[in-house]
N, C-alpha and C. Protein backbone atom coordinates (compact mmCIF):
# COMPACT_ATOMS: atom_id res chain seq x y z
N MET A 1 -32.03 71.42 -11.03
CA MET A 1 -33.03 70.42 -11.33
C MET A 1 -34.32 71.09 -11.90
N ILE A 2 -34.98 70.45 -13.08
CA ILE A 2 -36.10 71.03 -13.64
C ILE A 2 -37.02 71.29 -12.50
N LYS A 3 -37.78 72.47 -12.48
CA LYS A 3 -38.78 72.68 -11.45
C LYS A 3 -40.07 72.01 -11.85
N VAL A 4 -40.75 71.08 -10.97
CA VAL A 4 -42.00 70.46 -10.92
C VAL A 4 -42.85 71.30 -10.22
N VAL A 5 -44.14 71.60 -10.77
CA VAL A 5 -45.16 72.37 -9.85
C VAL A 5 -46.29 71.53 -9.83
N TRP A 6 -47.11 71.78 -9.02
CA TRP A 6 -48.44 70.98 -8.61
C TRP A 6 -49.55 71.92 -9.33
N THR A 7 -50.43 71.32 -10.02
CA THR A 7 -51.49 72.16 -10.58
C THR A 7 -52.68 71.29 -10.30
N GLN A 8 -53.86 71.80 -10.71
CA GLN A 8 -55.00 71.07 -10.43
C GLN A 8 -55.13 69.68 -11.31
N TYR A 9 -54.54 69.68 -12.23
CA TYR A 9 -54.70 68.52 -12.69
C TYR A 9 -53.40 67.39 -12.55
N GLY A 10 -52.55 67.84 -11.82
CA GLY A 10 -51.50 66.98 -11.25
C GLY A 10 -50.07 67.65 -11.22
N THR A 11 -48.98 66.94 -11.48
CA THR A 11 -47.67 67.56 -11.61
C THR A 11 -47.57 68.07 -13.24
N ALA A 12 -46.75 69.00 -13.30
CA ALA A 12 -46.28 69.60 -14.57
C ALA A 12 -44.92 70.30 -14.41
N TYR A 13 -44.42 70.58 -15.47
CA TYR A 13 -43.24 71.57 -15.45
C TYR A 13 -43.42 72.88 -15.65
N ASP A 14 -42.63 73.83 -15.03
CA ASP A 14 -42.85 75.21 -14.82
C ASP A 14 -42.27 75.75 -16.42
N LEU A 15 -43.18 76.11 -17.03
CA LEU A 15 -42.76 76.87 -18.41
C LEU A 15 -43.19 78.23 -18.39
N SER A 16 -43.36 78.81 -17.44
CA SER A 16 -43.94 80.32 -17.14
C SER A 16 -43.13 81.28 -17.86
N GLN A 17 -41.84 81.12 -18.02
CA GLN A 17 -40.86 82.06 -18.71
C GLN A 17 -40.61 81.58 -20.11
N GLY A 18 -41.27 80.60 -20.76
CA GLY A 18 -41.07 80.16 -22.06
C GLY A 18 -40.13 79.20 -22.18
N LYS A 19 -39.55 78.76 -21.10
CA LYS A 19 -38.40 77.69 -21.18
C LYS A 19 -38.66 76.86 -19.81
N LEU A 20 -37.87 75.81 -19.63
CA LEU A 20 -38.00 74.91 -18.49
C LEU A 20 -37.31 75.73 -17.23
N ALA A 21 -38.07 76.01 -16.21
CA ALA A 21 -37.45 76.60 -15.12
C ALA A 21 -36.73 75.80 -14.23
N GLU A 22 -35.77 76.16 -13.41
CA GLU A 22 -35.00 75.40 -12.53
C GLU A 22 -35.19 75.94 -10.92
N ASP A 23 -35.16 74.95 -10.20
CA ASP A 23 -35.20 75.29 -8.70
C ASP A 23 -34.04 74.36 -7.94
N ASP A 24 -34.11 74.67 -6.71
CA ASP A 24 -32.75 73.94 -5.91
C ASP A 24 -33.12 72.44 -5.69
N GLY A 25 -34.20 72.12 -6.26
CA GLY A 25 -34.48 70.57 -6.23
C GLY A 25 -35.48 70.20 -5.02
N LEU A 26 -35.40 70.86 -3.97
CA LEU A 26 -36.32 70.58 -2.87
C LEU A 26 -37.89 70.65 -3.07
N SER A 27 -38.26 71.56 -3.72
CA SER A 27 -39.63 71.72 -3.97
C SER A 27 -40.19 70.59 -5.05
N SER A 28 -39.32 70.41 -5.98
CA SER A 28 -39.58 69.32 -6.87
C SER A 28 -39.70 67.93 -6.15
N MET A 29 -38.69 67.76 -5.37
CA MET A 29 -38.48 66.51 -4.69
C MET A 29 -39.84 66.31 -3.87
N VAL A 30 -40.20 67.44 -3.24
CA VAL A 30 -41.42 67.17 -2.26
C VAL A 30 -42.64 66.78 -2.89
N ILE A 31 -42.79 67.49 -4.31
CA ILE A 31 -44.12 67.25 -5.00
C ILE A 31 -43.73 65.75 -5.47
N LEU A 32 -42.72 65.42 -5.96
CA LEU A 32 -42.46 64.03 -6.46
C LEU A 32 -42.66 62.95 -5.41
N MET A 33 -42.11 63.23 -4.05
CA MET A 33 -42.33 62.33 -2.88
C MET A 33 -43.89 62.15 -2.53
N LEU A 34 -44.66 63.20 -2.56
CA LEU A 34 -46.16 63.19 -2.35
C LEU A 34 -47.19 62.51 -3.29
N PHE A 35 -46.81 62.92 -4.56
CA PHE A 35 -47.75 62.67 -5.48
C PHE A 35 -47.19 61.61 -6.52
N THR A 36 -46.11 60.81 -6.13
CA THR A 36 -45.88 59.54 -6.93
C THR A 36 -46.38 58.53 -6.02
N ASP A 37 -47.13 57.52 -6.80
CA ASP A 37 -47.75 56.43 -5.96
C ASP A 37 -46.66 55.56 -5.39
N ALA A 38 -46.90 55.25 -4.09
CA ALA A 38 -45.97 54.36 -3.34
C ALA A 38 -46.66 53.09 -3.37
N ARG A 39 -46.01 51.85 -3.51
CA ARG A 39 -46.70 50.73 -3.30
C ARG A 39 -47.46 50.44 -2.11
N ALA A 40 -48.80 49.93 -2.10
CA ALA A 40 -49.42 49.80 -0.96
C ALA A 40 -48.89 48.49 -0.11
N LYS A 41 -48.90 48.40 1.20
CA LYS A 41 -48.52 47.61 1.94
C LYS A 41 -49.49 46.30 1.94
N ASP A 42 -49.05 45.18 2.17
CA ASP A 42 -50.00 43.94 2.49
C ASP A 42 -51.20 44.20 3.19
N SER A 43 -51.05 44.97 4.30
CA SER A 43 -51.91 45.25 5.29
C SER A 43 -53.12 46.48 4.77
N ASP A 44 -52.67 47.15 3.70
CA ASP A 44 -53.63 48.11 3.19
C ASP A 44 -54.98 47.73 2.62
N VAL A 45 -55.80 48.36 2.76
CA VAL A 45 -57.18 48.06 2.21
C VAL A 45 -57.15 48.83 0.75
N LEU A 46 -57.16 48.17 -0.30
CA LEU A 46 -57.13 48.78 -1.76
C LEU A 46 -58.53 49.42 -2.03
N PRO A 47 -58.46 50.57 -2.80
CA PRO A 47 -59.80 51.10 -3.17
C PRO A 47 -60.59 50.32 -4.18
N THR A 48 -61.84 50.21 -4.06
CA THR A 48 -62.69 49.75 -5.03
C THR A 48 -62.34 48.13 -5.35
N GLN A 49 -62.09 47.44 -4.32
CA GLN A 49 -61.95 46.14 -4.49
C GLN A 49 -60.73 45.72 -5.57
N SER A 50 -59.78 46.81 -5.78
CA SER A 50 -58.69 46.47 -6.75
C SER A 50 -57.70 45.58 -6.10
N THR A 51 -56.88 44.95 -6.96
CA THR A 51 -55.78 43.95 -6.64
C THR A 51 -54.53 44.67 -7.04
N ASP A 52 -54.50 45.96 -7.66
CA ASP A 52 -53.39 46.78 -7.90
C ASP A 52 -52.81 47.62 -6.94
N LYS A 53 -51.75 47.11 -6.34
CA LYS A 53 -50.95 47.69 -5.23
C LYS A 53 -49.98 48.97 -5.72
N ARG A 54 -50.05 49.12 -6.90
CA ARG A 54 -49.29 50.38 -7.50
C ARG A 54 -47.96 50.43 -7.25
N GLY A 55 -47.31 51.58 -7.21
CA GLY A 55 -45.97 51.69 -6.89
C GLY A 55 -45.31 52.12 -8.07
N TRP A 56 -44.10 52.84 -7.78
CA TRP A 56 -43.34 53.29 -9.04
C TRP A 56 -42.15 52.46 -9.23
N PRO A 57 -42.01 52.02 -10.64
CA PRO A 57 -40.90 51.08 -11.02
C PRO A 57 -39.55 51.52 -10.76
N GLY A 58 -39.34 52.71 -10.82
CA GLY A 58 -37.97 53.18 -10.33
C GLY A 58 -37.47 52.99 -9.06
N ASN A 59 -38.55 52.64 -8.13
CA ASN A 59 -38.00 52.33 -6.74
C ASN A 59 -36.95 51.07 -6.73
N THR A 60 -36.92 50.31 -7.48
CA THR A 60 -36.09 49.05 -7.68
C THR A 60 -34.66 49.58 -7.78
N TYR A 61 -34.35 50.81 -8.30
CA TYR A 61 -32.89 51.30 -8.34
C TYR A 61 -32.74 52.45 -7.61
N SER A 62 -33.74 52.85 -6.81
CA SER A 62 -33.48 53.94 -5.96
C SER A 62 -33.01 53.68 -4.64
N GLU A 63 -32.07 54.66 -3.75
CA GLU A 63 -31.84 54.41 -2.40
C GLU A 63 -32.86 54.34 -1.54
N PHE A 64 -34.10 55.01 -1.85
CA PHE A 64 -35.12 55.13 -1.03
C PHE A 64 -36.44 54.73 -1.80
N GLU A 65 -37.49 54.48 -1.13
CA GLU A 65 -38.78 54.31 -2.00
C GLU A 65 -39.35 55.82 -2.36
N TRP A 66 -39.67 56.10 -3.46
CA TRP A 66 -40.17 57.43 -3.65
C TRP A 66 -41.79 57.13 -3.68
N GLY A 67 -42.59 58.21 -3.35
CA GLY A 67 -44.09 58.32 -3.22
C GLY A 67 -44.53 58.13 -2.10
N SER A 68 -45.91 58.34 -2.22
CA SER A 68 -46.70 57.98 -0.96
C SER A 68 -47.95 57.40 -1.18
N ARG A 69 -48.56 56.93 -0.12
CA ARG A 69 -49.68 56.26 -0.16
C ARG A 69 -51.10 56.89 -0.21
N LEU A 70 -50.87 58.28 -0.41
CA LEU A 70 -52.10 59.31 -0.55
C LEU A 70 -53.07 58.69 -1.53
N TRP A 71 -52.82 57.92 -2.51
CA TRP A 71 -53.57 57.42 -3.58
C TRP A 71 -54.81 56.58 -2.76
N LEU A 72 -54.44 55.99 -1.87
CA LEU A 72 -55.32 55.09 -1.16
C LEU A 72 -56.58 55.69 -0.54
N VAL A 73 -56.56 56.93 -0.42
CA VAL A 73 -57.77 57.69 0.18
C VAL A 73 -58.28 58.71 -0.59
N TYR A 74 -58.17 58.65 -1.98
CA TYR A 74 -58.44 59.56 -3.03
C TYR A 74 -60.03 59.50 -3.16
N ARG A 75 -60.58 58.26 -2.94
CA ARG A 75 -61.97 57.96 -3.35
C ARG A 75 -62.89 57.60 -1.94
N GLU A 76 -62.25 58.22 -0.83
CA GLU A 76 -62.72 57.98 0.53
C GLU A 76 -63.53 59.10 0.77
N LYS A 77 -64.49 58.86 1.81
CA LYS A 77 -65.25 59.98 2.28
C LYS A 77 -64.30 60.77 3.00
N VAL A 78 -64.62 62.33 3.14
CA VAL A 78 -63.79 63.06 4.04
C VAL A 78 -64.17 63.07 5.45
N THR A 79 -63.43 62.38 6.18
CA THR A 79 -63.62 62.25 7.49
C THR A 79 -62.37 62.58 8.54
N ASN A 80 -62.54 62.64 9.75
CA ASN A 80 -61.27 63.03 10.48
C ASN A 80 -60.19 61.52 10.28
N GLU A 81 -60.72 60.54 10.28
CA GLU A 81 -59.97 59.42 9.93
C GLU A 81 -59.08 59.61 8.50
N THR A 82 -59.72 60.22 7.55
CA THR A 82 -59.19 60.31 6.45
C THR A 82 -58.13 61.32 6.32
N LYS A 83 -58.53 62.34 7.14
CA LYS A 83 -57.58 63.47 7.31
C LYS A 83 -56.21 63.19 7.97
N ASN A 84 -56.25 62.19 9.10
CA ASN A 84 -55.28 61.66 9.90
C ASN A 84 -54.36 60.61 8.97
N ARG A 85 -55.16 59.90 8.11
CA ARG A 85 -54.34 59.05 7.30
C ARG A 85 -53.55 59.82 6.15
N ILE A 86 -54.03 60.89 5.90
CA ILE A 86 -53.30 61.85 4.95
C ILE A 86 -51.95 62.31 5.64
N LYS A 87 -52.14 62.71 6.68
CA LYS A 87 -51.12 63.23 7.54
C LYS A 87 -50.03 61.99 7.64
N ASP A 88 -50.56 60.96 8.07
CA ASP A 88 -49.56 59.75 8.37
C ASP A 88 -48.90 59.50 6.98
N TYR A 89 -49.49 59.39 5.82
CA TYR A 89 -49.01 59.16 4.69
C TYR A 89 -47.87 60.18 4.15
N ALA A 90 -48.34 61.50 4.44
CA ALA A 90 -47.30 62.42 3.99
C ALA A 90 -46.08 62.51 4.73
N THR A 91 -46.39 62.15 6.01
CA THR A 91 -45.13 62.05 7.00
C THR A 91 -44.29 61.08 6.60
N GLU A 92 -44.77 59.87 6.33
CA GLU A 92 -43.87 58.83 5.74
C GLU A 92 -43.27 58.83 4.57
N ALA A 93 -43.94 59.81 3.71
CA ALA A 93 -43.33 59.73 2.17
C ALA A 93 -42.14 60.76 2.42
N LEU A 94 -42.26 61.52 3.26
CA LEU A 94 -41.11 62.82 3.38
C LEU A 94 -40.02 62.35 4.30
N LYS A 95 -40.20 61.16 5.05
CA LYS A 95 -38.89 60.86 5.94
C LYS A 95 -37.50 61.02 5.19
N PRO A 96 -37.39 60.50 3.98
CA PRO A 96 -36.20 60.49 3.20
C PRO A 96 -35.36 62.05 3.31
N LEU A 97 -36.38 62.98 3.30
CA LEU A 97 -35.67 64.24 3.44
C LEU A 97 -34.61 64.43 4.48
N VAL A 98 -35.13 63.93 5.68
CA VAL A 98 -34.09 63.95 6.80
C VAL A 98 -33.03 62.96 6.74
N THR A 99 -33.53 61.70 6.34
CA THR A 99 -32.60 60.40 6.42
C THR A 99 -31.36 60.87 5.62
N TYR A 100 -31.51 61.54 4.45
CA TYR A 100 -30.54 61.81 3.31
C TYR A 100 -29.95 63.23 3.42
N GLY A 101 -30.58 63.84 4.44
CA GLY A 101 -29.77 65.33 4.69
C GLY A 101 -30.31 66.45 3.84
N TYR A 102 -31.39 66.23 3.14
CA TYR A 102 -32.00 67.23 2.40
C TYR A 102 -32.75 68.35 3.47
N ALA A 103 -33.11 67.73 4.53
CA ALA A 103 -33.80 68.76 5.54
C ALA A 103 -33.31 68.39 6.92
N LYS A 104 -33.57 69.28 7.73
CA LYS A 104 -32.92 69.03 9.10
C LYS A 104 -34.30 68.51 9.97
N THR A 105 -35.39 69.03 9.68
CA THR A 105 -36.61 68.59 10.20
C THR A 105 -37.82 69.06 9.27
N TYR A 106 -39.13 68.36 9.62
CA TYR A 106 -40.17 68.81 8.78
C TYR A 106 -41.35 68.43 9.60
N SER A 107 -42.44 69.14 9.23
CA SER A 107 -43.72 68.83 10.05
C SER A 107 -44.91 68.68 8.94
N VAL A 108 -45.85 67.98 9.05
CA VAL A 108 -46.92 67.90 8.29
C VAL A 108 -48.26 67.99 9.21
N THR A 109 -49.09 69.11 8.80
CA THR A 109 -50.46 69.14 9.48
C THR A 109 -51.65 69.15 8.25
N THR A 110 -52.83 68.67 8.91
CA THR A 110 -53.81 68.77 7.86
C THR A 110 -55.03 69.40 8.43
N ALA A 111 -56.00 69.85 7.65
CA ALA A 111 -57.06 70.55 8.04
C ALA A 111 -58.18 70.35 7.03
N ARG A 112 -59.37 70.09 7.36
CA ARG A 112 -60.54 70.03 6.65
C ARG A 112 -60.78 71.32 6.15
N THR A 113 -60.72 71.66 4.82
CA THR A 113 -61.09 73.14 4.66
C THR A 113 -62.20 73.30 3.50
N GLY A 114 -63.14 72.38 3.49
CA GLY A 114 -64.27 72.34 2.78
C GLY A 114 -65.14 71.03 2.80
N GLY A 115 -66.18 71.11 2.33
CA GLY A 115 -66.97 69.80 2.29
C GLY A 115 -66.30 68.68 1.70
N HIS A 116 -65.65 68.83 0.86
CA HIS A 116 -64.79 67.68 -0.06
C HIS A 116 -63.30 68.03 -0.22
N GLN A 117 -62.92 68.80 0.78
CA GLN A 117 -61.33 69.37 0.50
C GLN A 117 -60.72 68.96 1.76
N ILE A 118 -59.47 68.59 1.77
CA ILE A 118 -58.53 68.44 3.04
C ILE A 118 -57.32 69.01 2.57
N SER A 119 -56.69 70.10 3.26
CA SER A 119 -55.37 70.72 3.02
C SER A 119 -54.35 70.17 3.75
N MET A 120 -53.17 69.95 3.13
CA MET A 120 -52.01 69.63 3.83
C MET A 120 -51.04 70.80 3.89
N TYR A 121 -50.40 71.09 5.11
CA TYR A 121 -49.45 72.13 5.30
C TYR A 121 -48.06 71.49 5.75
N ILE A 122 -47.18 71.76 4.93
CA ILE A 122 -45.85 71.23 5.11
C ILE A 122 -45.02 72.31 5.51
N LYS A 123 -44.08 72.14 6.39
CA LYS A 123 -43.06 73.10 6.65
C LYS A 123 -41.81 72.34 6.93
N ILE A 124 -40.73 72.85 6.18
CA ILE A 124 -39.31 72.07 6.25
C ILE A 124 -38.37 73.11 6.74
N GLN A 125 -37.54 72.65 7.52
CA GLN A 125 -36.26 73.42 7.91
C GLN A 125 -35.11 72.73 7.06
N LYS A 126 -34.46 73.50 6.34
CA LYS A 126 -33.43 73.16 5.58
C LYS A 126 -32.13 72.95 6.43
N PRO A 127 -31.03 72.28 5.90
CA PRO A 127 -29.89 72.09 6.66
C PRO A 127 -29.31 73.45 7.15
N ASP A 128 -29.49 74.44 6.27
CA ASP A 128 -28.75 75.80 6.64
C ASP A 128 -29.94 76.51 7.78
N GLY A 129 -30.91 76.07 8.16
CA GLY A 129 -31.68 76.62 9.13
C GLY A 129 -32.90 77.28 8.42
N SER A 130 -32.89 77.70 7.33
CA SER A 130 -33.96 78.40 6.67
C SER A 130 -35.21 77.41 6.56
N THR A 131 -36.32 78.10 6.39
CA THR A 131 -37.48 77.18 6.43
C THR A 131 -38.35 77.57 4.80
N ILE A 132 -38.95 76.47 4.50
CA ILE A 132 -39.94 76.50 3.35
C ILE A 132 -41.02 75.85 3.61
N SER A 133 -42.23 76.48 3.30
CA SER A 133 -43.43 75.97 3.68
C SER A 133 -44.30 75.71 2.26
N TYR A 134 -45.16 74.55 2.42
CA TYR A 134 -45.76 74.21 1.15
C TYR A 134 -47.23 73.99 1.73
N GLU A 135 -48.29 74.11 0.65
CA GLU A 135 -49.76 73.81 1.05
C GLU A 135 -50.37 73.09 -0.20
N ALA A 136 -50.89 71.93 -0.02
CA ALA A 136 -51.73 71.27 -1.09
C ALA A 136 -53.08 71.19 -0.61
N ALA A 137 -54.08 71.60 -1.41
CA ALA A 137 -55.38 71.31 -1.00
C ALA A 137 -55.75 70.34 -2.14
N LEU A 138 -56.36 69.14 -1.33
CA LEU A 138 -56.83 67.81 -2.18
C LEU A 138 -58.37 67.78 -2.21
N ARG A 139 -58.97 67.74 -3.21
CA ARG A 139 -60.29 67.75 -3.40
C ARG A 139 -60.57 66.23 -3.60
N TRP A 140 -61.58 65.72 -2.84
CA TRP A 140 -62.08 64.38 -2.73
C TRP A 140 -63.39 64.34 -3.60
N GLU A 141 -63.33 63.31 -4.51
CA GLU A 141 -64.58 63.14 -5.42
C GLU A 141 -64.87 61.58 -5.00
N HIS A 142 -65.67 61.42 -3.69
CA HIS A 142 -66.00 60.16 -3.23
C HIS A 142 -67.24 59.76 -4.48
N THR A 143 -67.29 58.57 -4.65
CA THR A 143 -68.03 58.06 -5.58
C THR A 143 -69.04 57.35 -4.48
N MET A 144 -70.17 57.63 -5.04
CA MET A 144 -71.43 56.81 -4.47
C MET A 144 -71.94 55.76 -5.28
N LYS A 145 -72.01 54.65 -4.77
CA LYS A 145 -72.49 53.47 -5.60
C LYS A 145 -74.21 53.25 -5.20
N GLU A 146 -74.89 53.09 -6.29
CA GLU A 146 -76.18 52.78 -6.01
C GLU A 146 -76.42 51.31 -6.03
N GLU A 147 -77.34 50.89 -5.20
CA GLU A 147 -77.55 49.32 -5.32
C GLU A 147 -78.73 49.06 -5.85
N PHE A 148 -79.03 48.42 -6.74
CA PHE A 148 -80.24 48.10 -7.35
C PHE A 148 -80.75 46.56 -6.96
């Protein structure tokens, strides 16, 4: 599988050796599962009074739904509730790893690592028993509305 990497600007392909790098697929799958927008549920509060529930059109043809609802919190204040929602959304998004046998187990923890930053720590145990860990630091740009 072509290796997908996470950068400060979003996802990208790894071209560090002058060509498309490859990986075993798990790392790329984790990035795509977390940072592809999942469709919001009817009960979700959409950001900025939007009516767009987003979602990835390819889910129509997939065995499982790709993506996470992390996009729902990108413009919220950094609070413990936001941190907990990030953990819940990431945990929900990664469930297919176990369901379809790509992982034996996984865990997600979150921590506030700065005034406007929350980090996700993901640990995955592969079917062969080996483990792999990921960290993603997400910076929040909460917008302040001025009322006139």
